[in-house]
Amino acid sequence: MIARLDLAQMRPEQKAELIYTQARSELTSRLWRAALGDGGDFASPEAAPAEGAGAMTDFDSLLAALGAPRPAARAPTAPVAAPEPPKADDAHLPEGAVAVGRAGGLGVNARHEASLNAAAARTGIPAAALAAIVDAEAAKDRDGGWKAYSRNPRSSAAGLGQFLSGTWQSEAERPGTWLNGEAKARGWLTESGKVARGARSELLALRYDPAASIQATADYARGNLDRLRRAGVAIGDGMEGVAHAAYLGHHLGVGDAIKFMKGGLDASRARLLLSAQVGAAAAGQRIAAAGDATDAHRAWLLNYVGRNVRPARFDA
């Protein structure tokens, strides 16, 4: 689980901010799901909470991470260590991708370099592309450092990769992912390969471990790129094309990403997503200026991706 030493070094006001954000998120996430009308969170419509999961499960996972007493404590687990990177070869790279390389230009985030390089070598996603995705997703300290314990107040997204609860659980249950292997090793999966109900809090708390979040980001990117290509989506050449397509899959969920990249979301869906991102009033202004909700959402998202997902910054 999360290293207790790192949590101990958090200032009281940082812990208070994290707890407040988590609690506010739990109280509002159901309203966002109801507004979207499909059981998912606004950032990834495909990710729905596990059946029977309580509304405060994520809050329990945060308390577990902070070391709060629990009714039935499990045996402590060691902090996650990034796996040794296997030798990468061209056959392992996604179609059209550049060599995985090594991440650079990380500045204060250089402590994550080993995890980024290991995840890149394992999945074939360029290390600089992974760094760009994390940089666009993660909340940041004043010095630009990625905040491992960040939590979105309007959804269940948490950690460096801002994974929703449902998406994180799905990745733990998806055969072949790093997270699936970790969940098996820790005894969190049932014989049928599903996350055991009693293990869900600890699994979700693992989102706050930077190494785990980076590994999961790489697996999710690889899976989304494969699905986009199978759906006939054209992905741009080189590292930037891979990074942008992978980010759209991460941000929208692969279902909406396919629609977005093959012509556009329908107007009602585009309006909901744009409102969730910029607020209803600002969304209305953008839609009025563009003349169409689909065009307004597309313009906003492509501009956001162009400004924030810049793998060239991290190309060693």
Protein backbone atom coordinates (compact mmCIF):
# COMPACT_ATOMS: atom_id res chain seq x y z
CA MET A 1 0.00 0.00 0.00
CA ILE A 2 1.06 3.63 0.19
CA ALA A 3 4.30 4.14 2.07
CA ARG A 4 3.38 5.32 5.57
CA LEU A 5 6.63 7.31 5.74
CA ASP A 6 5.50 9.52 2.86
CA LEU A 7 2.11 10.08 4.49
CA ALA A 8 3.76 10.89 7.79
CA GLN A 9 5.69 13.66 6.07
CA MET A 10 2.47 15.35 4.92
CA ARG A 11 1.63 18.50 6.85
CA PRO A 12 -1.66 18.46 8.85
CA GLU A 13 -3.20 20.99 6.48
CA GLN A 14 -2.33 18.76 3.50
CA LYS A 15 -4.03 15.78 5.13
CA ALA A 16 -7.04 17.93 5.98
CA GLU A 17 -7.28 19.14 2.39
CA LEU A 18 -7.12 15.59 1.07
CA ILE A 19 -9.79 14.34 3.48
CA TYR A 20 -12.07 17.30 2.73
CA THR A 21 -11.70 16.85 -1.01
CA GLN A 22 -12.40 13.13 -0.77
CA ALA A 23 -15.50 13.60 1.38
CA ARG A 24 -16.87 16.34 -0.88
CA SER A 25 -16.26 14.13 -3.90
CA GLU A 26 -18.20 11.23 -2.39
CA LEU A 27 -21.18 13.49 -1.69
CA THR A 28 -21.24 14.93 -5.22
CA SER A 29 -20.22 11.99 -7.44
CA ARG A 30 -23.69 10.46 -7.43
CA LEU A 31 -25.14 13.75 -8.65
CA TRP A 32 -22.65 13.80 -11.55
CA ARG A 33 -23.53 10.22 -12.45
CA ALA A 34 -27.22 11.05 -12.35
CA ALA A 35 -26.67 14.09 -14.57
CA LEU A 36 -24.77 12.01 -17.14
CA GLY A 37 -27.47 9.38 -16.98
CA ASP A 38 -25.26 6.37 -17.63
CA GLY A 39 -23.87 5.37 -14.26
CA GLY A 40 -20.39 6.71 -15.01
CA ASP A 41 -18.29 9.64 -13.86
CA PHE A 42 -17.91 12.63 -16.13
CA ALA A 43 -14.29 11.98 -17.00
CA SER A 44 -14.83 8.43 -18.18
CA PRO A 45 -18.44 7.48 -18.92
CA GLU A 46 -17.62 3.79 -19.18
CA ALA A 47 -16.43 3.46 -15.59
CA ALA A 48 -19.26 2.56 -13.21
CA PRO A 49 -18.95 1.62 -9.54
CA ALA A 50 -18.89 -2.08 -8.75
CA GLU A 51 -22.27 -3.56 -7.96
CA GLY A 52 -23.00 -3.41 -4.28
CA ALA A 53 -20.16 -1.00 -3.50
CA GLY A 54 -20.99 1.47 -0.76
CA ALA A 55 -20.93 5.19 -1.44
CA MET A 56 -18.13 5.74 1.05
CA THR A 57 -15.81 2.95 -0.14
CA ASP A 58 -13.32 5.44 -1.58
CA PHE A 59 -13.37 7.43 1.64
CA ASP A 60 -12.59 4.21 3.51
CA SER A 61 -9.64 3.63 1.16
CA LEU A 62 -8.31 7.09 1.95
CA LEU A 63 -8.59 6.53 5.69
CA ALA A 64 -6.82 3.21 5.24
CA ALA A 65 -4.04 4.97 3.37
CA LEU A 66 -3.72 7.58 6.12
CA GLY A 67 -3.44 4.84 8.72
CA ALA A 68 -6.82 5.29 10.43
CA PRO A 69 -8.05 2.32 12.50
CA ARG A 70 -10.17 -0.20 10.61
CA PRO A 71 -12.63 -2.78 11.99
CA ALA A 72 -10.83 -5.76 10.46
CA ALA A 73 -7.25 -4.95 9.64
CA ARG A 74 -5.46 -6.98 6.99
CA ALA A 75 -1.80 -7.87 7.13
CA PRO A 76 0.34 -4.85 6.15
CA THR A 77 1.69 -4.81 2.62
CA ALA A 78 4.94 -3.35 1.38
CA PRO A 79 5.14 -0.20 -0.75
CA VAL A 80 4.99 -0.85 -4.46
CA ALA A 81 8.30 -1.04 -6.26
CA ALA A 82 8.59 -0.50 -10.00
CA PRO A 83 9.37 -3.76 -11.78
CA GLU A 84 12.67 -4.26 -13.51
CA PRO A 85 12.22 -3.14 -17.13
CA PRO A 86 12.45 -5.99 -19.64
CA LYS A 87 14.30 -5.48 -22.86
CA ALA A 88 11.99 -3.76 -25.34
CA ASP A 89 11.86 -4.76 -28.96
CA ASP A 90 10.10 -3.36 -32.01
CA ALA A 91 7.55 -6.19 -32.04
CA HIS A 92 6.29 -5.03 -28.63
CA LEU A 93 5.62 -1.46 -29.73
CA PRO A 94 2.09 -0.33 -30.63
CA GLU A 95 1.61 0.03 -34.38
CA GLY A 96 3.11 3.32 -35.58
CA ALA A 97 4.77 4.11 -32.25
CA VAL A 98 8.31 5.40 -31.92
CA ALA A 99 10.94 3.68 -29.78
CA VAL A 100 10.06 3.75 -26.10
CA GLY A 101 13.19 5.69 -25.14
CA ARG A 102 13.69 7.12 -21.68
CA ALA A 103 11.93 9.97 -19.94
CA GLY A 104 13.84 13.21 -19.39
CA GLY A 105 13.18 16.84 -18.59
CA LEU A 106 11.23 15.84 -15.50
CA GLY A 107 12.68 18.43 -13.15
CA VAL A 108 11.17 18.01 -9.69
CA ASN A 109 9.40 14.88 -10.94
CA ALA A 110 12.67 13.07 -11.65
CA ARG A 111 11.89 10.75 -8.73
CA HIS A 112 9.34 9.08 -11.03
CA GLU A 113 11.81 8.49 -13.86
CA ALA A 114 12.51 4.84 -13.02
CA SER A 115 8.79 4.01 -12.90
CA LEU A 116 8.14 5.76 -16.22
CA ASN A 117 11.02 3.99 -17.96
CA ALA A 118 10.03 0.59 -16.57
CA ALA A 119 6.39 1.04 -17.62
CA ALA A 120 7.48 2.14 -21.10
CA ALA A 121 9.78 -0.84 -21.59
CA ARG A 122 7.07 -3.22 -20.43
CA THR A 123 4.19 -1.86 -22.54
CA GLY A 124 5.89 -0.26 -25.53
CA ILE A 125 4.36 3.16 -24.86
CA PRO A 126 7.10 5.82 -25.21
CA ALA A 127 8.33 7.00 -21.82
CA ALA A 128 7.98 10.64 -22.82
CA ALA A 129 4.37 10.01 -23.89
CA LEU A 130 3.61 8.46 -20.51
CA ALA A 131 5.20 11.42 -18.73
CA ALA A 132 3.09 13.79 -20.82
CA ILE A 133 -0.14 11.94 -19.95
CA VAL A 134 0.67 11.95 -16.24
CA ASP A 135 1.68 15.61 -16.40
CA ALA A 136 -1.68 16.51 -17.96
CA GLU A 137 -3.68 14.43 -15.46
CA ALA A 138 -1.94 14.95 -12.13
CA ALA A 139 -2.59 17.85 -9.80
CA LYS A 140 0.58 19.81 -9.07
CA ASP A 141 2.32 21.48 -6.19
CA ARG A 142 3.55 25.05 -6.56
CA ASP A 143 6.90 23.79 -7.81
CA GLY A 144 5.25 21.67 -10.51
CA GLY A 145 5.66 18.39 -8.63
CA TRP A 146 2.97 15.80 -9.29
CA LYS A 147 0.73 15.33 -6.24
CA ALA A 148 0.44 11.63 -5.51
CA TYR A 149 -2.44 12.13 -3.08
CA SER A 150 -4.64 14.33 -5.27
CA ARG A 151 -8.37 13.71 -5.62
CA ASN A 152 -10.86 15.24 -8.08
CA PRO A 153 -13.69 16.91 -6.10
CA ARG A 154 -16.26 16.20 -8.85
CA SER A 155 -15.58 12.53 -9.56
CA SER A 156 -13.89 9.47 -8.05
CA ALA A 157 -10.62 10.21 -9.91
CA ALA A 158 -7.52 9.93 -7.71
CA GLY A 159 -3.72 9.74 -7.80
CA LEU A 160 -1.18 10.65 -10.47
CA GLY A 161 -3.22 9.00 -13.22
CA GLN A 162 -6.55 10.33 -11.91
CA PHE A 163 -8.13 6.89 -12.25
CA LEU A 164 -11.81 6.56 -11.52
CA SER A 165 -12.77 3.85 -9.05
CA GLY A 166 -14.50 1.74 -11.70
CA THR A 167 -11.67 2.03 -14.19
CA TRP A 168 -9.05 1.11 -11.58
CA GLN A 169 -11.04 -1.95 -10.55
CA SER A 170 -11.52 -2.96 -14.19
CA GLU A 171 -7.78 -2.71 -14.81
CA ALA A 172 -7.15 -4.88 -11.74
CA GLU A 173 -9.50 -7.49 -13.20
CA ARG A 174 -8.15 -7.27 -16.77
CA PRO A 175 -5.76 -10.18 -17.40
CA GLY A 176 -2.20 -9.24 -18.25
CA THR A 177 -2.04 -5.81 -16.64
CA TRP A 178 0.50 -4.91 -13.99
CA LEU A 179 -2.35 -4.12 -11.61
CA ASN A 180 -3.93 -7.51 -12.26
CA GLY A 181 -0.67 -9.21 -11.30
CA GLU A 182 -0.39 -7.08 -8.17
CA ALA A 183 -3.99 -7.84 -7.15
CA LYS A 184 -3.38 -11.57 -7.63
CA ALA A 185 -0.19 -11.45 -5.58
CA ARG A 186 -1.95 -9.67 -2.72
CA GLY A 187 -4.93 -12.03 -2.71
CA TRP A 188 -7.42 -9.35 -3.72
CA LEU A 189 -9.10 -11.35 -6.51
CA THR A 190 -11.66 -14.10 -6.24
CA GLU A 191 -11.34 -17.40 -8.08
CA SER A 192 -13.40 -15.89 -10.90
CA GLY A 193 -10.89 -13.03 -11.27
CA LYS A 194 -13.08 -10.33 -9.73
CA VAL A 195 -12.02 -8.00 -6.93
CA ALA A 196 -13.15 -9.39 -3.60
CA ARG A 197 -15.53 -7.03 -1.84
CA GLY A 198 -13.40 -6.93 1.30
CA ALA A 199 -10.30 -5.98 -0.72
CA ARG A 200 -11.76 -3.08 -2.70
CA SER A 201 -10.73 -0.33 -0.27
CA GLU A 202 -7.11 -1.44 -0.26
CA LEU A 203 -7.12 -1.78 -4.04
CA LEU A 204 -8.48 1.75 -4.49
CA ALA A 205 -5.98 3.13 -1.97
CA LEU A 206 -3.22 1.83 -4.26
CA ARG A 207 -4.09 4.65 -6.71
CA TYR A 208 -2.19 6.98 -4.38
CA ASP A 209 1.04 5.04 -4.90
CA PRO A 210 2.93 6.83 -7.73
CA ALA A 211 4.62 3.70 -9.09
CA ALA A 212 1.33 1.81 -9.22
CA SER A 213 -0.45 4.71 -10.89
CA ILE A 214 2.23 5.04 -13.57
CA GLN A 215 2.18 1.32 -14.31
CA ALA A 216 -1.61 1.38 -14.60
CA THR A 217 -1.49 4.47 -16.83
CA ALA A 218 0.81 2.63 -19.22
CA ASP A 219 -1.41 -0.46 -19.36
CA TYR A 220 -4.53 1.63 -19.83
CA ALA A 221 -2.85 3.60 -22.63
CA ARG A 222 -1.74 0.43 -24.38
CA GLY A 223 -5.19 -1.12 -24.12
CA ASN A 224 -6.92 2.03 -25.35
CA LEU A 225 -4.58 2.42 -28.31
CA ASP A 226 -5.21 -1.18 -29.34
CA ARG A 227 -8.98 -0.68 -29.11
CA LEU A 228 -8.85 2.58 -31.04
CA ARG A 229 -6.95 0.93 -33.86
CA ARG A 230 -9.30 -2.05 -33.93
CA ALA A 231 -12.17 0.42 -34.27
CA GLY A 232 -10.52 1.91 -37.35
CA VAL A 233 -9.36 5.13 -35.71
CA ALA A 234 -6.39 6.73 -37.43
CA ILE A 235 -3.65 7.58 -34.91
CA GLY A 236 -1.01 10.11 -35.85
CA ASP A 237 2.54 9.05 -36.47
CA GLY A 238 5.25 9.39 -33.87
CA MET A 239 5.32 10.07 -30.16
CA GLU A 240 2.93 13.04 -30.18
CA GLY A 241 0.25 11.14 -32.09
CA VAL A 242 0.51 8.21 -29.69
CA ALA A 243 0.42 10.50 -26.64
CA HIS A 244 -2.59 12.48 -27.86
CA ALA A 245 -4.63 9.39 -28.79
CA ALA A 246 -3.75 7.64 -25.53
CA TYR A 247 -4.71 10.73 -23.55
CA LEU A 248 -8.08 11.03 -25.29
CA GLY A 249 -8.76 7.41 -24.38
CA HIS A 250 -7.71 8.09 -20.79
CA HIS A 251 -9.71 11.31 -20.51
CA LEU A 252 -12.92 10.35 -22.32
CA GLY A 253 -13.00 6.60 -21.91
CA VAL A 254 -12.36 4.58 -25.03
CA GLY A 255 -16.01 4.46 -26.12
CA ASP A 256 -16.38 8.23 -26.31
CA ALA A 257 -12.81 8.55 -27.61
CA ILE A 258 -13.70 6.38 -30.62
CA LYS A 259 -16.72 8.55 -31.39
CA PHE A 260 -14.74 11.75 -30.83
CA MET A 261 -11.91 10.71 -33.13
CA LYS A 262 -14.18 9.31 -35.84
CA GLY A 263 -16.30 12.41 -36.31
CA GLY A 264 -17.55 13.71 -33.02
CA LEU A 265 -19.81 13.05 -30.07
CA ASP A 266 -23.50 13.79 -30.37
CA ALA A 267 -24.54 17.27 -29.25
CA SER A 268 -26.19 16.24 -25.97
CA ARG A 269 -23.19 14.20 -24.86
CA ALA A 270 -20.77 16.93 -25.89
CA ARG A 271 -22.75 19.52 -23.92
CA LEU A 272 -22.71 17.38 -20.77
CA LEU A 273 -18.98 16.70 -20.96
CA LEU A 274 -18.11 20.33 -21.72
CA SER A 275 -20.28 21.54 -18.83
CA ALA A 276 -18.58 19.08 -16.51
CA GLN A 277 -15.16 20.41 -17.53
CA VAL A 278 -15.67 24.18 -17.69
CA GLY A 279 -18.99 24.77 -15.92
CA ALA A 280 -22.46 25.24 -17.35
CA ALA A 281 -22.19 29.00 -17.88
CA ALA A 282 -18.83 28.85 -19.67
CA ALA A 283 -20.02 25.88 -21.72
CA GLY A 284 -23.09 27.82 -22.81
CA GLN A 285 -20.91 30.70 -23.95
CA ARG A 286 -18.60 28.41 -25.91
CA ILE A 287 -21.51 26.62 -27.54
CA ALA A 288 -23.13 29.90 -28.53
CA ALA A 289 -19.86 31.11 -30.04
CA ALA A 290 -19.27 27.86 -31.94
CA GLY A 291 -22.89 27.42 -32.93
CA ASP A 292 -22.88 23.75 -31.97
CA ALA A 293 -22.14 21.79 -28.79
CA THR A 294 -20.14 19.11 -30.62
CA ASP A 295 -17.86 21.70 -32.24
CA ALA A 296 -17.50 23.65 -28.98
CA HIS A 297 -16.46 20.55 -27.03
CA ARG A 298 -14.08 19.42 -29.77
CA ALA A 299 -12.41 22.83 -29.92
CA TRP A 300 -11.99 22.98 -26.15
CA LEU A 301 -10.62 19.44 -25.79
CA LEU A 302 -8.21 19.61 -28.73
CA ASN A 303 -6.91 22.93 -27.44
CA TYR A 304 -6.46 21.44 -23.98
CA VAL A 305 -4.62 18.41 -25.33
CA GLY A 306 -2.40 20.57 -27.54
CA ARG A 307 -1.42 22.80 -24.63
CA ASN A 308 -1.02 20.15 -21.95
CA VAL A 309 -0.01 16.85 -23.55
CA ARG A 310 3.47 17.68 -24.88
CA PRO A 311 5.71 14.62 -24.94
CA ALA A 312 8.58 16.52 -26.56
CA ARG A 313 9.17 18.18 -23.18
CA PHE A 314 10.06 14.79 -21.69
CA ASP A 315 12.00 13.23 -24.55
CA ALA A 316 15.43 12.45 -23.14
